């Protein structure tokens, strides 16, 4: 249940930030990736996995986040 509450609160925060703060796209992307990480850890049962397994799943998320932030930064 806590993952659902976290996801709901983060979505509300994303909408608030994107509507009220100009240029907050990297922050919104960071919120989205934190949601993805929470869902990954909880529903794929990675919270009880060894640290190396968690890192194996988190590294691609960090690369994608970096790419998205650089693309958004280059657009304007």
PDB file of N, CA and C in Angstrom:
ATOM      1  N   UNK A   1       0.823  -1.200   0.000  1.00  0.00           N
ATOM      2  CA  UNK A   1       0.000   0.000   0.000  1.00  0.00           C
ATOM      3  C   UNK A   1       0.863   1.258   0.000  1.00  0.00           C
ATOM      4  N   UNK A   2       2.033   1.191   0.632  1.00  0.00           N
ATOM      5  CA  UNK A   2       2.876   2.377   0.712  1.00  0.00           C
ATOM      6  C   UNK A   2       3.416   2.800  -0.649  1.00  0.00           C
ATOM      7  N   UNK A   3       3.625   1.827  -1.561  1.00  0.00           N
ATOM      8  CA  UNK A   3       4.096   2.183  -2.905  1.00  0.00           C
ATOM      9  C   UNK A   3       3.022   2.962  -3.645  1.00  0.00           C
ATOM     10  N   UNK A   4       1.777   2.573  -3.475  1.00  0.00           N
ATOM     11  CA  UNK A   4       0.680   3.300  -4.126  1.00  0.00           C
ATOM     12  C   UNK A   4       0.584   4.728  -3.596  1.00  0.00           C
ATOM     13  N   UNK A   5       0.720   4.886  -2.303  1.00  0.00           N
ATOM     14  CA  UNK A   5       0.655   6.232  -1.707  1.00  0.00           C
ATOM     15  C   UNK A   5       1.832   7.072  -2.196  1.00  0.00           C
ATOM     16  N   UNK A   6       3.031   6.474  -2.226  1.00  0.00           N
ATOM     17  CA  UNK A   6       4.204   7.196  -2.720  1.00  0.00           C
ATOM     18  C   UNK A   6       4.015   7.607  -4.182  1.00  0.00           C
ATOM     19  N   UNK A   7       3.512   6.695  -4.992  1.00  0.00           N
ATOM     20  CA  UNK A   7       3.298   7.001  -6.407  1.00  0.00           C
ATOM     21  C   UNK A   7       2.266   8.101  -6.568  1.00  0.00           C
ATOM     22  N   UNK A   8       1.184   8.035  -5.827  1.00  0.00           N
ATOM     23  CA  UNK A   8       0.146   9.058  -5.913  1.00  0.00           C
ATOM     24  C   UNK A   8       0.671  10.425  -5.486  1.00  0.00           C
ATOM     25  N   UNK A   9       1.396  10.469  -4.369  1.00  0.00           N
ATOM     26  CA  UNK A   9       1.940  11.740  -3.899  1.00  0.00           C
ATOM     27  C   UNK A   9       2.977  12.308  -4.876  1.00  0.00           C
ATOM     28  N   UNK A  10       3.767  11.447  -5.463  1.00  0.00           N
ATOM     29  CA  UNK A  10       4.768  11.906  -6.416  1.00  0.00           C
ATOM     30  C   UNK A  10       4.120  12.431  -7.693  1.00  0.00           C
ATOM     31  N   UNK A  11       3.042  11.805  -8.142  1.00  0.00           N
ATOM     32  CA  UNK A  11       2.329  12.305  -9.322  1.00  0.00           C
ATOM     33  C   UNK A  11       1.739  13.683  -9.044  1.00  0.00           C
ATOM     34  N   UNK A  12       1.152  13.850  -7.869  1.00  0.00           N
ATOM     35  CA  UNK A  12       0.596  15.163  -7.508  1.00  0.00           C
ATOM     36  C   UNK A  12       1.712  16.199  -7.460  1.00  0.00           C
ATOM     37  N   UNK A  13       2.854  15.831  -6.899  1.00  0.00           N
ATOM     38  CA  UNK A  13       3.997  16.740  -6.838  1.00  0.00           C
ATOM     39  C   UNK A  13       4.534  17.056  -8.232  1.00  0.00           C
ATOM     40  N   UNK A  14       4.582  16.053  -9.115  1.00  0.00           N
ATOM     41  CA  UNK A  14       5.025  16.279 -10.493  1.00  0.00           C
ATOM     42  C   UNK A  14       4.132  17.283 -11.201  1.00  0.00           C
ATOM     43  N   UNK A  15       2.834  17.111 -11.066  1.00  0.00           N
ATOM     44  CA  UNK A  15       1.893  18.023 -11.725  1.00  0.00           C
ATOM     45  C   UNK A  15       2.041  19.428 -11.161  1.00  0.00           C
ATOM     46  N   UNK A  16       2.150  19.550  -9.858  1.00  0.00           N
ATOM     47  CA  UNK A  16       2.301  20.869  -9.240  1.00  0.00           C
ATOM     48  C   UNK A  16       3.580  21.551  -9.713  1.00  0.00           C
ATOM     49  N   UNK A  17       4.683  20.822  -9.698  1.00  0.00           N
ATOM     50  CA  UNK A  17       5.965  21.402 -10.097  1.00  0.00           C
ATOM     51  C   UNK A  17       5.955  21.781 -11.572  1.00  0.00           C
ATOM     52  N   UNK A  18       5.420  20.904 -12.426  1.00  0.00           N
ATOM     53  CA  UNK A  18       5.432  21.196 -13.862  1.00  0.00           C
ATOM     54  C   UNK A  18       4.524  22.362 -14.230  1.00  0.00           C
ATOM     55  N   UNK A  19       3.474  22.602 -13.450  1.00  0.00           N
ATOM     56  CA  UNK A  19       2.553  23.698 -13.750  1.00  0.00           C
ATOM     57  C   UNK A  19       3.006  25.030 -13.167  1.00  0.00           C
ATOM     58  N   UNK A  20       3.750  25.011 -12.070  1.00  0.00           N
ATOM     59  CA  UNK A  20       4.059  26.243 -11.350  1.00  0.00           C
ATOM     60  C   UNK A  20       5.515  26.696 -11.423  1.00  0.00           C
ATOM     61  N   UNK A  21       6.414  25.820 -11.813  1.00  0.00           N
ATOM     62  CA  UNK A  21       7.828  26.188 -11.850  1.00  0.00           C
ATOM     63  C   UNK A  21       8.331  26.041 -13.282  1.00  0.00           C
ATOM     64  N   UNK A  22       8.663  27.146 -13.933  1.00  0.00           N
ATOM     65  CA  UNK A  22       9.164  27.040 -15.306  1.00  0.00           C
ATOM     66  C   UNK A  22      10.559  26.407 -15.328  1.00  0.00           C
ATOM     67  N   UNK A  23      10.798  25.566 -16.315  1.00  0.00           N
ATOM     68  CA  UNK A  23      12.097  24.921 -16.453  1.00  0.00           C
ATOM     69  C   UNK A  23      12.353  23.804 -15.475  1.00  0.00           C
ATOM     70  N   UNK A  24      11.306  23.198 -14.961  1.00  0.00           N
ATOM     71  CA  UNK A  24      11.467  22.153 -13.948  1.00  0.00           C
ATOM     72  C   UNK A  24      11.426  20.746 -14.551  1.00  0.00           C
ATOM     73  N   UNK A  25      11.687  20.637 -15.843  1.00  0.00           N
ATOM     74  CA  UNK A  25      11.619  19.332 -16.492  1.00  0.00           C
ATOM     75  C   UNK A  25      12.587  18.325 -15.882  1.00  0.00           C
ATOM     76  N   UNK A  26      13.846  18.678 -15.575  1.00  0.00           N
ATOM     77  CA  UNK A  26      14.719  17.677 -14.941  1.00  0.00           C
ATOM     78  C   UNK A  26      14.188  17.182 -13.597  1.00  0.00           C
ATOM     79  N   UNK A  27      13.539  18.045 -12.853  1.00  0.00           N
ATOM     80  CA  UNK A  27      12.964  17.614 -11.572  1.00  0.00           C
ATOM     81  C   UNK A  27      11.819  16.634 -11.797  1.00  0.00           C
ATOM     82  N   UNK A  28      10.998  16.897 -12.796  1.00  0.00           N
ATOM     83  CA  UNK A  28       9.873  15.999 -13.098  1.00  0.00           C
ATOM     84  C   UNK A  28      10.405  14.646 -13.567  1.00  0.00           C
ATOM     85  N   UNK A  29      11.467  14.653 -14.367  1.00  0.00           N
ATOM     86  CA  UNK A  29      12.076  13.397 -14.809  1.00  0.00           C
ATOM     87  C   UNK A  29      12.638  12.639 -13.607  1.00  0.00           C
ATOM     88  N   UNK A  30      13.243  13.348 -12.680  1.00  0.00           N
ATOM     89  CA  UNK A  30      13.778  12.696 -11.473  1.00  0.00           C
ATOM     90  C   UNK A  30      12.652  12.069 -10.647  1.00  0.00           C
ATOM     91  N   UNK A  31      11.513  12.775 -10.532  1.00  0.00           N
ATOM     92  CA  UNK A  31      10.364  12.199  -9.823  1.00  0.00           C
ATOM     93  C   UNK A  31       9.887  10.928 -10.511  1.00  0.00           C
ATOM     94  N   UNK A  32       9.820  10.951 -11.826  1.00  0.00           N
ATOM     95  CA  UNK A  32       9.357   9.779 -12.577  1.00  0.00           C
ATOM     96  C   UNK A  32      10.296   8.595 -12.378  1.00  0.00           C
ATOM     97  N   UNK A  33      11.596   8.860 -12.377  1.00  0.00           N
ATOM     98  CA  UNK A  33      12.534   7.767 -12.181  1.00  0.00           C
ATOM     99  C   UNK A  33      12.535   7.268 -10.743  1.00  0.00           C
ATOM    100  N   UNK A  34      12.241   8.118  -9.790  1.00  0.00           N
ATOM    101  CA  UNK A  34      12.126   7.634  -8.411  1.00  0.00           C
ATOM    102  C   UNK A  34      10.900   6.734  -8.262  1.00  0.00           C
ATOM    103  N   UNK A  35       9.836   7.064  -8.992  1.00  0.00           N
ATOM    104  CA  UNK A  35       8.659   6.191  -8.996  1.00  0.00           C
ATOM    105  C   UNK A  35       9.000   4.847  -9.621  1.00  0.00           C
ATOM    106  N   UNK A  36       9.718   4.869 -10.735  1.00  0.00           N
ATOM    107  CA  UNK A  36      10.100   3.622 -11.398  1.00  0.00           C
ATOM    108  C   UNK A  36      10.972   2.773 -10.480  1.00  0.00           C
ATOM    109  N   UNK A  37      11.880   3.407  -9.769  1.00  0.00           N
ATOM    110  CA  UNK A  37      12.751   2.665  -8.853  1.00  0.00           C
ATOM    111  C   UNK A  37      11.945   2.057  -7.708  1.00  0.00           C
ATOM    112  N   UNK A  38      10.990   2.791  -7.186  1.00  0.00           N
ATOM    113  CA  UNK A  38      10.164   2.270  -6.084  1.00  0.00           C
ATOM    114  C   UNK A  38       9.347   1.063  -6.541  1.00  0.00           C
ATOM    115  N   UNK A  39       8.744   1.181  -7.713  1.00  0.00           N
ATOM    116  CA  UNK A  39       7.951   0.070  -8.247  1.00  0.00           C
ATOM    117  C   UNK A  39       8.850  -1.125  -8.534  1.00  0.00           C
ATOM    118  N   UNK A  40      10.029  -0.865  -9.089  1.00  0.00           N
ATOM    119  CA  UNK A  40      10.973  -1.936  -9.391  1.00  0.00           C
ATOM    120  C   UNK A  40      11.386  -2.668  -8.120  1.00  0.00           C
ATOM    121  N   UNK A  41      11.719  -1.920  -7.090  1.00  0.00           N
ATOM    122  CA  UNK A  41      12.165  -2.544  -5.848  1.00  0.00           C
ATOM    123  C   UNK A  41      11.051  -3.333  -5.166  1.00  0.00           C
ATOM    124  N   UNK A  42       9.827  -2.812  -5.232  1.00  0.00           N
ATOM    125  CA  UNK A  42       8.736  -3.460  -4.503  1.00  0.00           C
ATOM    126  C   UNK A  42       8.130  -4.626  -5.276  1.00  0.00           C
ATOM    127  N   UNK A  43       7.712  -4.374  -6.521  1.00  0.00           N
ATOM    128  CA  UNK A  43       6.970  -5.405  -7.247  1.00  0.00           C
ATOM    129  C   UNK A  43       7.855  -6.482  -7.850  1.00  0.00           C
ATOM    130  N   UNK A  44       9.119  -6.173  -8.105  1.00  0.00           N
ATOM    131  CA  UNK A  44      10.025  -7.218  -8.578  1.00  0.00           C
ATOM    132  C   UNK A  44      10.764  -7.853  -7.409  1.00  0.00           C
ATOM    133  N   UNK A  45      10.372  -7.476  -6.196  1.00  0.00           N
ATOM    134  CA  UNK A  45      10.925  -8.019  -4.962  1.00  0.00           C
ATOM    135  C   UNK A  45      12.439  -7.860  -4.891  1.00  0.00           C
ATOM    136  N   UNK A  46      12.916  -6.714  -5.364  1.00  0.00           N
ATOM    137  CA  UNK A  46      14.346  -6.448  -5.313  1.00  0.00           C
ATOM    138  C   UNK A  46      14.776  -5.838  -3.992  1.00  0.00           C
ATOM    139  N   UNK A  47      13.814  -5.470  -3.151  1.00  0.00           N
ATOM    140  CA  UNK A  47      14.194  -4.860  -1.878  1.00  0.00           C
ATOM    141  C   UNK A  47      14.918  -5.848  -0.978  1.00  0.00           C
ATOM    142  N   UNK A  48      14.712  -7.151  -1.190  1.00  0.00           N
ATOM    143  CA  UNK A  48      15.388  -8.163  -0.397  1.00  0.00           C
ATOM    144  C   UNK A  48      16.563  -8.788  -1.137  1.00  0.00           C
ATOM    145  N   UNK A  49      16.840  -8.318  -2.344  1.00  0.00           N
ATOM    146  CA  UNK A  49      17.919  -8.877  -3.157  1.00  0.00           C
ATOM    147  C   UNK A  49      19.263  -8.302  -2.716  1.00  0.00           C
ATOM    148  N   UNK A  50      20.335  -8.977  -3.081  1.00  0.00           N
ATOM    149  CA  UNK A  50      21.666  -8.415  -2.769  1.00  0.00           C
ATOM    150  C   UNK A  50      21.893  -7.100  -3.502  1.00  0.00           C
ATOM    151  N   UNK A  51      22.794  -6.295  -2.976  1.00  0.00           N
ATOM    152  CA  UNK A  51      23.054  -4.975  -3.541  1.00  0.00           C
ATOM    153  C   UNK A  51      23.484  -5.003  -4.992  1.00  0.00           C
ATOM    154  N   UNK A  52      24.232  -6.032  -5.390  1.00  0.00           N
ATOM    155  CA  UNK A  52      24.712  -6.099  -6.770  1.00  0.00           C
ATOM    156  C   UNK A  52      23.559  -6.280  -7.752  1.00  0.00           C
ATOM    157  N   UNK A  53      22.528  -6.997  -7.362  1.00  0.00           N
ATOM    158  CA  UNK A  53      21.369  -7.189  -8.234  1.00  0.00           C
ATOM    159  C   UNK A  53      20.598  -5.880  -8.383  1.00  0.00           C
ATOM    160  N   UNK A  54      20.467  -5.152  -7.301  1.00  0.00           N
ATOM    161  CA  UNK A  54      19.775  -3.860  -7.350  1.00  0.00           C
ATOM    162  C   UNK A  54      20.533  -2.889  -8.245  1.00  0.00           C
ATOM    163  N   UNK A  55      21.849  -2.857  -8.121  1.00  0.00           N
ATOM    164  CA  UNK A  55      22.664  -1.974  -8.957  1.00  0.00           C
ATOM    165  C   UNK A  55      22.513  -2.349 -10.421  1.00  0.00           C
ATOM    166  N   UNK A  56      22.422  -3.647 -10.709  1.00  0.00           N
ATOM    167  CA  UNK A  56      22.267  -4.099 -12.090  1.00  0.00           C
ATOM    168  C   UNK A  56      20.985  -3.549 -12.716  1.00  0.00           C
ATOM    169  N   UNK A  57      19.935  -3.389 -11.940  1.00  0.00           N
ATOM    170  CA  UNK A  57      18.687  -2.848 -12.463  1.00  0.00           C
ATOM    171  C   UNK A  57      18.654  -1.325 -12.446  1.00  0.00           C
ATOM    172  N   UNK A  58      19.409  -0.700 -11.550  1.00  0.00           N
ATOM    173  CA  UNK A  58      19.372   0.759 -11.427  1.00  0.00           C
ATOM    174  C   UNK A  58      20.293   1.476 -12.404  1.00  0.00           C
ATOM    175  N   UNK A  59      21.378   0.852 -12.823  1.00  0.00           N
ATOM    176  CA  UNK A  59      22.313   1.511 -13.737  1.00  0.00           C
ATOM    177  C   UNK A  59      21.650   1.898 -15.055  1.00  0.00           C
ATOM    178  N   UNK A  60      20.881   1.027 -15.703  1.00  0.00           N
ATOM    179  CA  UNK A  60      20.208   1.469 -16.935  1.00  0.00           C
ATOM    180  C   UNK A  60      19.228   2.622 -16.706  1.00  0.00           C
ATOM    181  N   UNK A  61      18.576   2.655 -15.545  1.00  0.00           N
ATOM    182  CA  UNK A  61      17.686   3.779 -15.247  1.00  0.00           C
ATOM    183  C   UNK A  61      18.455   5.092 -15.175  1.00  0.00           C
ATOM    184  N   UNK A  62      19.646   5.053 -14.614  1.00  0.00           N
ATOM    185  CA  UNK A  62      20.456   6.271 -14.522  1.00  0.00           C
ATOM    186  C   UNK A  62      20.923   6.732 -15.900  1.00  0.00           C
ATOM    187  N   UNK A  63      21.289   5.785 -16.774  1.00  0.00           N
ATOM    188  CA  UNK A  63      21.675   6.157 -18.134  1.00  0.00           C
ATOM    189  C   UNK A  63      20.510   6.786 -18.885  1.00  0.00           C
ATOM    190  N   UNK A  64      19.333   6.206 -18.759  1.00  0.00           N
ATOM    191  CA  UNK A  64      18.155   6.751 -19.441  1.00  0.00           C
ATOM    192  C   UNK A  64      17.815   8.123 -18.881  1.00  0.00           C
ATOM    193  N   UNK A  65      17.915   8.304 -17.575  1.00  0.00           N
ATOM    194  CA  UNK A  65      17.643   9.612 -16.975  1.00  0.00           C
ATOM    195  C   UNK A  65      18.623  10.648 -17.502  1.00  0.00           C
ATOM    196  N   UNK A  66      19.902  10.290 -17.586  1.00  0.00           N
ATOM    197  CA  UNK A  66      20.896  11.216 -18.126  1.00  0.00           C
ATOM    198  C   UNK A  66      20.614  11.586 -19.569  1.00  0.00           C
ATOM    199  N   UNK A  67      20.223  10.613 -20.369  1.00  0.00           N
ATOM    200  CA  UNK A  67      19.888  10.893 -21.765  1.00  0.00           C
ATOM    201  C   UNK A  67      18.677  11.808 -21.875  1.00  0.00           C
ATOM    202  N   UNK A  68      17.647  11.526 -21.100  1.00  0.00           N
ATOM    203  CA  UNK A  68      16.448  12.365 -21.163  1.00  0.00           C
ATOM    204  C   UNK A  68      16.727  13.802 -20.716  1.00  0.00           C
ATOM    205  N   UNK A  69      17.501  13.943 -19.660  1.00  0.00           N
ATOM    206  CA  UNK A  69      17.822  15.286 -19.184  1.00  0.00           C
ATOM    207  C   UNK A  69      18.666  16.028 -20.197  1.00  0.00           C
ATOM    208  N   UNK A  70      19.616  15.360 -20.836  1.00  0.00           N
ATOM    209  CA  UNK A  70      20.435  16.034 -21.844  1.00  0.00           C
ATOM    210  C   UNK A  70      19.630  16.399 -23.082  1.00  0.00           C
ATOM    211  N   UNK A  71      18.681  15.556 -23.465  1.00  0.00           N
ATOM    212  CA  UNK A  71      17.833  15.879 -24.609  1.00  0.00           C
ATOM    213  C   UNK A  71      16.955  17.073 -24.306  1.00  0.00           C
ATOM    214  N   UNK A  72      16.364  17.087 -23.132  1.00  0.00           N
ATOM    215  CA  UNK A  72      15.499  18.214 -22.758  1.00  0.00           C
ATOM    216  C   UNK A  72      16.321  19.495 -22.644  1.00  0.00           C
ATOM    217  N   UNK A  73      17.535  19.401 -22.102  1.00  0.00           N
ATOM    218  CA  UNK A  73      18.381  20.580 -21.973  1.00  0.00           C
ATOM    219  C   UNK A  73      18.817  21.113 -23.334  1.00  0.00           C
ATOM    220  N   UNK A  74      18.999  20.236 -24.296  1.00  0.00           N
ATOM    221  CA  UNK A  74      19.429  20.704 -25.616  1.00  0.00           C
ATOM    222  C   UNK A  74      18.279  21.316 -26.421  1.00  0.00           C
ATOM    223  N   UNK A  75      17.053  21.007 -26.045  1.00  0.00           N
ATOM    224  CA  UNK A  75      15.902  21.549 -26.774  1.00  0.00           C
ATOM    225  C   UNK A  75      15.609  23.000 -26.414  1.00  0.00           C
ATOM    226  N   UNK A  76      16.002  23.411 -25.278  1.00  0.00           N
ATOM    227  CA  UNK A  76      15.699  24.798 -24.987  1.00  0.00           C
ATOM    228  C   UNK A  76      15.971  25.128 -23.597  1.00  0.00           C
TER     229      UNK A  76
END
